[in-house]
Amino acid sequence: MNTQLVESLVKLIQSLPQEERQLFEEKLFFESNLVTTQELMKLAVYGHSFDFLNDEPELYTFEDGEAI
């Protein structure tokens, strides 16, 4: 086993910017044909799926329930 190579790869991966590291992890751990959580979130936001909630009345106030 090449321990030095593995350690070098780990250091390299940890030095990546967050966006590149996330892309690396997605490609490593997920099949490319599956939809990611990030993609689903973007779809909901940009697709305006939950815009109807903006017209809903506020049912709860800060006075409801117990203090945390």
Protein backbone atom coordinates (compact mmCIF):
# COMPACT_ATOMS: atom_id res chain seq x y z
CA MET A 1 0.00 0.00 0.00
CA ASN A 2 1.27 3.47 -0.91
CA THR A 3 0.61 5.40 2.31
CA GLN A 4 2.56 8.43 1.16
CA LEU A 5 0.40 8.75 -1.97
CA VAL A 6 -2.80 8.48 0.08
CA GLU A 7 -1.62 11.13 2.53
CA SER A 8 -0.61 13.44 -0.33
CA LEU A 9 -4.03 13.02 -1.94
CA VAL A 10 -5.80 13.77 1.33
CA LYS A 11 -3.77 16.97 1.77
CA LEU A 12 -4.48 18.00 -1.80
CA ILE A 13 -8.22 17.38 -1.43
CA GLN A 14 -8.32 19.31 1.86
CA SER A 15 -6.57 22.25 0.20
CA LEU A 16 -9.22 22.59 -2.52
CA PRO A 17 -11.62 25.54 -2.36
CA GLN A 18 -15.04 24.58 -0.96
CA GLU A 19 -16.78 24.58 -4.35
CA GLU A 20 -14.15 22.36 -5.98
CA ARG A 21 -14.08 20.03 -2.98
CA GLN A 22 -17.86 19.68 -3.12
CA LEU A 23 -17.70 18.86 -6.84
CA PHE A 24 -14.97 16.31 -6.16
CA GLU A 25 -17.02 14.64 -3.42
CA GLU A 26 -20.11 14.54 -5.63
CA LYS A 27 -18.20 12.85 -8.43
CA LEU A 28 -16.51 10.44 -6.03
CA PHE A 29 -19.46 9.42 -3.88
CA PHE A 30 -22.51 9.80 -6.13
CA GLU A 31 -23.55 8.46 -9.46
CA SER A 32 -23.59 11.26 -12.01
CA ASN A 33 -27.10 10.39 -13.18
CA LEU A 34 -28.64 11.06 -9.76
CA VAL A 35 -30.04 14.46 -8.80
CA THR A 36 -28.12 16.09 -5.92
CA THR A 37 -29.67 17.82 -2.94
CA GLN A 38 -28.21 21.11 -4.19
CA GLU A 39 -29.89 20.63 -7.57
CA LEU A 40 -33.24 19.88 -5.92
CA MET A 41 -32.94 22.99 -3.76
CA LYS A 42 -32.14 25.15 -6.79
CA LEU A 43 -35.08 23.65 -8.65
CA ALA A 44 -37.44 24.50 -5.80
CA VAL A 45 -36.12 28.07 -5.48
CA TYR A 46 -35.81 28.97 -9.15
CA GLY A 47 -38.92 27.02 -10.10
CA HIS A 48 -40.93 29.03 -7.55
CA SER A 49 -42.41 25.80 -6.14
CA PHE A 50 -43.13 27.25 -2.73
CA ASP A 51 -44.11 30.81 -3.66
CA PHE A 52 -47.69 30.07 -2.62
CA LEU A 53 -46.51 30.05 0.99
CA ASN A 54 -45.87 33.81 0.76
CA ASP A 55 -49.65 34.35 0.66
CA GLU A 56 -50.41 32.11 3.63
CA PRO A 57 -51.40 33.77 6.92
CA GLU A 58 -48.97 33.68 9.82
CA LEU A 59 -50.38 31.08 12.20
CA TYR A 60 -47.77 31.37 14.92
CA THR A 61 -46.14 34.25 16.74
CA PHE A 62 -43.07 34.58 18.94
CA GLU A 63 -45.40 34.39 21.95
CA ASP A 64 -46.57 30.88 21.02
CA GLY A 65 -44.95 27.91 22.71
CA GLU A 66 -42.16 27.81 25.25
CA ALA A 67 -39.01 29.87 25.22
CA ILE A 68 -35.92 28.04 24.11
